[in-house]
Amino acid sequence: MVNRWARLLADTLFPQQCLLCRLPSASHLPLCGCCAAQLVPNHPCCPCCALPLATPGGGLCSACTQRPPALDRVLAPYVYEPCLGYLIGQWKFQRQRHLSGLLAELWLAAVDPPQDRDLLLPVPMHWRRLLQRGFNQATLLARALQHCDSALQRLPVAERTLRRPRAVPAQSTLTAQQRLHNLRDAFSLRAPVQGRRIALVDDVMTTGATAETIARLLKDAGADDVQLWCIARTPPPAT
């Protein structure tokens, strides 16, 4: 009750402005309802890798059918498009860390988080990139999800379970084939994960090379189930 009244007072004294249309957002978030409604839901999508699909009810995508991934499930409720891309870009590259809460609330508004996870595992950054950016956005998102959903607060955020010992070029600058080669030996485990049901947390899934590499490492170490929780999935290339 106290938090609700404090939020109402803050909204009255310091009204939020929508980051997309620049009008008052009429909420505690920097996104108005009209602009939020313009975000593209990722439906229909592959029930395994969350690749956006053209028609509903099509089952697994061809890639998952031909080669089942190590990931057991991907929860990516939005399609990565310019509006959401702008919000994520402001968060990551303009260091607007406060947008972690907005992105977490958008995710939770579209997803009913599975209650069977044992831990939240942020995708790690190499220490040089972490030093340059000043934060790991995956860790911020994991903690914001906990802050916004009391059911997730029982889960440890396992920041030290996985490390990235080798600096590699940014995945966004590479082709799909180069991404796979780029990630060879890029991650290592620092804690046991045998029998654990893991929610791997990241911002956006593109080709899935990073998440798949980590999932295989976790499964080889005995993890029971690995899901990827991310904000958005990029659409397939236009043909």
Protein backbone atom coordinates (compact mmCIF):
# COMPACT_ATOMS: atom_id res chain seq x y z
CA MET A 1 0.00 0.00 0.00
CA VAL A 2 2.81 2.42 0.92
CA ASN A 3 4.64 1.65 -2.32
CA ARG A 4 1.47 2.24 -4.36
CA TRP A 5 0.84 5.65 -2.79
CA ALA A 6 4.51 6.59 -3.17
CA ARG A 7 4.34 5.68 -6.86
CA LEU A 8 1.15 7.75 -7.34
CA LEU A 9 2.80 10.74 -5.65
CA ALA A 10 5.92 10.38 -7.80
CA ASP A 11 3.81 10.14 -10.96
CA THR A 12 2.02 13.34 -10.01
CA LEU A 13 5.12 15.34 -9.13
CA PHE A 14 7.40 13.90 -11.83
CA PRO A 15 5.26 12.65 -14.72
CA GLN A 16 7.00 10.23 -17.05
CA GLN A 17 7.49 11.01 -20.73
CA CYS A 18 7.12 8.28 -23.34
CA LEU A 19 10.47 7.55 -24.93
CA LEU A 20 8.88 6.84 -28.31
CA CYS A 21 6.27 9.57 -28.85
CA ARG A 22 7.59 12.07 -26.24
CA LEU A 23 4.10 12.62 -24.81
CA PRO A 24 3.22 12.06 -21.14
CA SER A 25 3.10 8.33 -20.53
CA ALA A 26 0.31 8.53 -17.90
CA SER A 27 2.02 5.76 -15.93
CA HIS A 28 5.10 5.10 -13.84
CA LEU A 29 6.84 3.76 -16.97
CA PRO A 30 8.53 5.82 -19.73
CA LEU A 31 6.23 4.27 -22.35
CA CYS A 32 2.64 5.26 -23.05
CA GLY A 33 -0.13 2.73 -23.58
CA CYS A 34 -0.52 3.65 -27.25
CA CYS A 35 3.16 3.05 -28.04
CA ALA A 36 3.23 -0.10 -25.92
CA ALA A 37 0.36 -1.43 -28.04
CA GLN A 38 2.50 -0.92 -31.15
CA LEU A 39 5.13 -3.41 -29.97
CA VAL A 40 4.89 -6.55 -32.08
CA PRO A 41 4.02 -9.74 -30.16
CA ASN A 42 6.00 -12.80 -31.18
CA HIS A 43 3.04 -14.95 -32.15
CA PRO A 44 2.89 -17.34 -33.84
CA CYS A 45 6.38 -18.64 -33.21
CA CYS A 46 8.28 -21.92 -32.98
CA PRO A 47 7.40 -23.48 -29.59
CA CYS A 48 11.05 -24.42 -29.08
CA CYS A 49 13.29 -21.61 -30.39
CA ALA A 50 10.62 -18.83 -30.61
CA LEU A 51 11.45 -18.06 -34.25
CA PRO A 52 8.59 -15.92 -35.60
CA LEU A 53 6.46 -17.96 -38.00
CA ALA A 54 4.18 -16.84 -40.82
CA THR A 55 1.25 -19.10 -39.95
CA PRO A 56 -0.12 -20.43 -36.64
CA GLY A 57 -0.23 -24.07 -35.71
CA GLY A 58 2.77 -25.02 -37.78
CA GLY A 59 4.64 -26.82 -35.00
CA LEU A 60 8.41 -26.64 -34.81
CA CYS A 61 10.38 -24.58 -37.31
CA SER A 62 12.42 -26.47 -39.89
CA ALA A 63 15.71 -25.85 -38.05
CA CYS A 64 14.43 -27.34 -34.77
CA THR A 65 12.86 -30.24 -36.65
CA GLN A 66 16.07 -31.10 -38.48
CA ARG A 67 18.38 -30.57 -35.51
CA PRO A 68 16.77 -30.34 -32.06
CA PRO A 69 18.58 -27.60 -30.09
CA ALA A 70 20.13 -27.96 -26.66
CA LEU A 71 17.75 -25.27 -25.44
CA ASP A 72 14.53 -26.78 -24.18
CA ARG A 73 12.49 -23.62 -24.67
CA VAL A 74 12.85 -19.95 -25.57
CA LEU A 75 10.54 -17.35 -24.04
CA ALA A 76 10.82 -14.28 -26.29
CA PRO A 77 7.45 -12.50 -26.21
CA TYR A 78 8.22 -9.74 -28.72
CA VAL A 79 9.55 -9.45 -32.24
CA TYR A 80 12.65 -7.29 -32.48
CA GLU A 81 11.55 -4.31 -34.57
CA PRO A 82 12.50 -0.60 -34.67
CA CYS A 83 10.42 0.62 -31.70
CA LEU A 84 11.57 -2.08 -29.32
CA GLY A 85 15.05 -1.88 -30.84
CA TYR A 86 15.19 1.80 -29.90
CA LEU A 87 14.23 1.08 -26.28
CA ILE A 88 16.82 -1.70 -26.00
CA GLY A 89 19.46 0.48 -27.67
CA GLN A 90 18.86 3.31 -25.19
CA TRP A 91 19.13 0.80 -22.35
CA LYS A 92 22.31 -0.90 -23.52
CA PHE A 93 24.29 1.67 -25.44
CA GLN A 94 23.11 4.97 -23.91
CA ARG A 95 23.49 3.53 -20.39
CA GLN A 96 19.90 4.20 -19.36
CA ARG A 97 19.95 1.51 -16.73
CA HIS A 98 16.58 2.58 -15.34
CA LEU A 99 14.96 1.06 -18.43
CA SER A 100 15.62 -2.38 -16.96
CA GLY A 101 12.36 -2.05 -15.05
CA LEU A 102 10.39 -1.09 -18.16
CA LEU A 103 11.73 -4.06 -20.14
CA ALA A 104 11.12 -6.44 -17.25
CA GLU A 105 7.51 -5.26 -16.91
CA LEU A 106 6.96 -5.62 -20.67
CA TRP A 107 8.29 -9.19 -20.49
CA LEU A 108 6.14 -10.09 -17.50
CA ALA A 109 3.05 -8.54 -19.11
CA ALA A 110 3.40 -11.02 -21.97
CA VAL A 111 4.81 -14.11 -20.20
CA ASP A 112 3.69 -16.23 -17.30
CA PRO A 113 7.13 -17.23 -15.93
CA PRO A 114 7.54 -20.98 -15.33
CA GLN A 115 7.73 -21.67 -11.61
CA ASP A 116 9.99 -24.72 -11.92
CA ARG A 117 13.34 -22.92 -12.36
CA ASP A 118 16.20 -23.34 -9.87
CA LEU A 119 18.22 -20.28 -10.82
CA LEU A 120 18.47 -17.27 -13.14
CA LEU A 121 21.70 -17.30 -15.14
CA PRO A 122 22.59 -14.05 -16.95
CA VAL A 123 24.61 -14.45 -20.14
CA PRO A 124 28.05 -13.15 -19.07
CA MET A 125 30.19 -10.50 -20.71
CA HIS A 126 33.97 -10.51 -21.04
CA TRP A 127 35.52 -8.31 -18.37
CA ARG A 128 36.84 -5.79 -20.91
CA ARG A 129 33.41 -5.21 -22.42
CA LEU A 130 31.87 -5.11 -18.95
CA LEU A 131 34.39 -2.46 -17.92
CA GLN A 132 33.66 -0.46 -21.06
CA ARG A 133 29.86 -0.57 -20.72
CA GLY A 134 29.75 -0.43 -16.94
CA PHE A 135 27.09 -3.11 -16.51
CA ASN A 136 25.88 -6.41 -17.85
CA GLN A 137 22.40 -5.84 -19.26
CA ALA A 138 21.48 -9.52 -18.77
CA THR A 139 22.16 -9.22 -15.04
CA LEU A 140 20.15 -6.00 -14.83
CA LEU A 141 17.23 -7.70 -16.57
CA ALA A 142 17.38 -10.75 -14.28
CA ARG A 143 17.32 -8.55 -11.18
CA ALA A 144 14.54 -6.37 -12.60
CA LEU A 145 12.44 -9.46 -13.25
CA GLN A 146 12.90 -10.43 -9.62
CA HIS A 147 11.99 -6.94 -8.45
CA CYS A 148 8.79 -6.95 -10.51
CA ASP A 149 7.70 -10.52 -9.73
CA SER A 150 7.80 -11.73 -6.15
CA ALA A 151 7.61 -15.38 -7.26
CA LEU A 152 11.04 -15.00 -8.89
CA GLN A 153 12.69 -13.53 -5.80
CA ARG A 154 13.40 -17.00 -4.38
CA LEU A 155 15.72 -17.76 -7.32
CA PRO A 156 19.42 -16.95 -7.05
CA VAL A 157 20.88 -14.76 -9.80
CA ALA A 158 23.95 -16.89 -10.54
CA GLU A 159 26.31 -14.21 -11.83
CA ARG A 160 29.45 -16.24 -11.10
CA THR A 161 28.34 -19.64 -12.38
CA LEU A 162 29.34 -18.88 -15.97
CA ARG A 163 32.23 -16.80 -17.23
CA ARG A 164 33.43 -15.54 -20.58
CA PRO A 165 37.21 -15.99 -20.42
CA ARG A 166 37.90 -15.11 -24.07
CA ALA A 167 37.20 -11.76 -25.69
CA VAL A 168 35.53 -12.18 -29.07
CA PRO A 169 34.13 -9.78 -31.67
CA ALA A 170 30.53 -8.68 -31.06
CA GLN A 171 28.11 -11.27 -32.41
CA SER A 172 26.04 -8.55 -34.08
CA THR A 173 28.90 -7.84 -36.51
CA LEU A 174 29.15 -11.44 -37.78
CA THR A 175 27.31 -13.81 -40.09
CA ALA A 176 25.51 -16.85 -38.67
CA GLN A 177 28.41 -19.15 -39.58
CA GLN A 178 30.98 -16.74 -38.15
CA ARG A 179 28.99 -16.53 -34.90
CA LEU A 180 29.33 -20.27 -34.31
CA HIS A 181 33.09 -20.20 -34.89
CA ASN A 182 33.42 -17.00 -32.84
CA LEU A 183 31.96 -18.70 -29.75
CA ARG A 184 34.28 -21.70 -29.68
CA ASP A 185 35.60 -21.99 -26.09
CA ALA A 186 34.10 -18.57 -25.31
CA PHE A 187 32.38 -19.74 -22.09
CA SER A 188 33.38 -21.82 -19.08
CA LEU A 189 31.62 -23.02 -15.93
CA ARG A 190 32.72 -22.06 -12.43
CA ALA A 191 30.06 -23.88 -10.40
CA PRO A 192 28.19 -27.20 -10.64
CA VAL A 193 24.84 -27.22 -12.45
CA GLN A 194 24.02 -30.92 -12.33
CA GLY A 195 20.29 -31.53 -12.08
CA ARG A 196 19.47 -27.81 -12.17
CA ARG A 197 16.63 -26.27 -14.17
CA ILE A 198 18.08 -23.05 -15.50
CA ALA A 199 16.59 -19.85 -16.89
CA LEU A 200 19.29 -18.29 -19.05
CA VAL A 201 18.63 -14.53 -19.27
CA ASP A 202 19.58 -12.28 -22.19
CA ASP A 203 18.17 -9.29 -24.05
CA VAL A 204 17.65 -10.40 -27.67
CA MET A 205 17.96 -13.69 -29.53
CA THR A 206 19.16 -13.37 -33.12
CA THR A 207 20.57 -16.59 -34.55
CA GLY A 208 20.61 -18.24 -31.13
CA ALA A 209 24.30 -19.15 -31.41
CA THR A 210 25.22 -17.70 -28.01
CA ALA A 211 22.33 -19.30 -26.13
CA GLU A 212 22.83 -22.62 -27.89
CA THR A 213 26.55 -22.68 -27.07
CA ILE A 214 25.82 -22.00 -23.40
CA ALA A 215 22.96 -24.52 -23.30
CA ARG A 216 25.19 -27.28 -24.67
CA LEU A 217 27.86 -26.44 -22.10
CA LEU A 218 25.27 -26.59 -19.30
CA LYS A 219 23.73 -29.81 -20.58
CA ASP A 220 27.16 -31.44 -20.89
CA ALA A 221 27.73 -30.51 -17.23
CA GLY A 222 24.50 -32.23 -16.21
CA ALA A 223 21.90 -29.45 -16.25
CA ASP A 224 18.45 -30.98 -16.44
CA ASP A 225 16.63 -28.28 -18.42
CA VAL A 226 17.74 -24.97 -19.97
CA GLN A 227 15.36 -22.24 -21.07
CA LEU A 228 16.25 -18.86 -22.54
CA TRP A 229 14.30 -15.88 -21.22
CA CYS A 230 14.80 -12.84 -23.44
CA ILE A 231 12.83 -9.78 -24.46
CA ALA A 232 12.70 -10.27 -28.20
CA ARG A 233 13.48 -12.57 -31.11
CA THR A 234 14.63 -11.24 -34.47
CA PRO A 235 12.45 -12.25 -37.43
CA PRO A 236 13.80 -14.62 -40.07
CA PRO A 237 15.56 -13.01 -43.06
CA ALA A 238 13.22 -11.93 -45.82
CA THR A 239 13.22 -14.28 -48.78
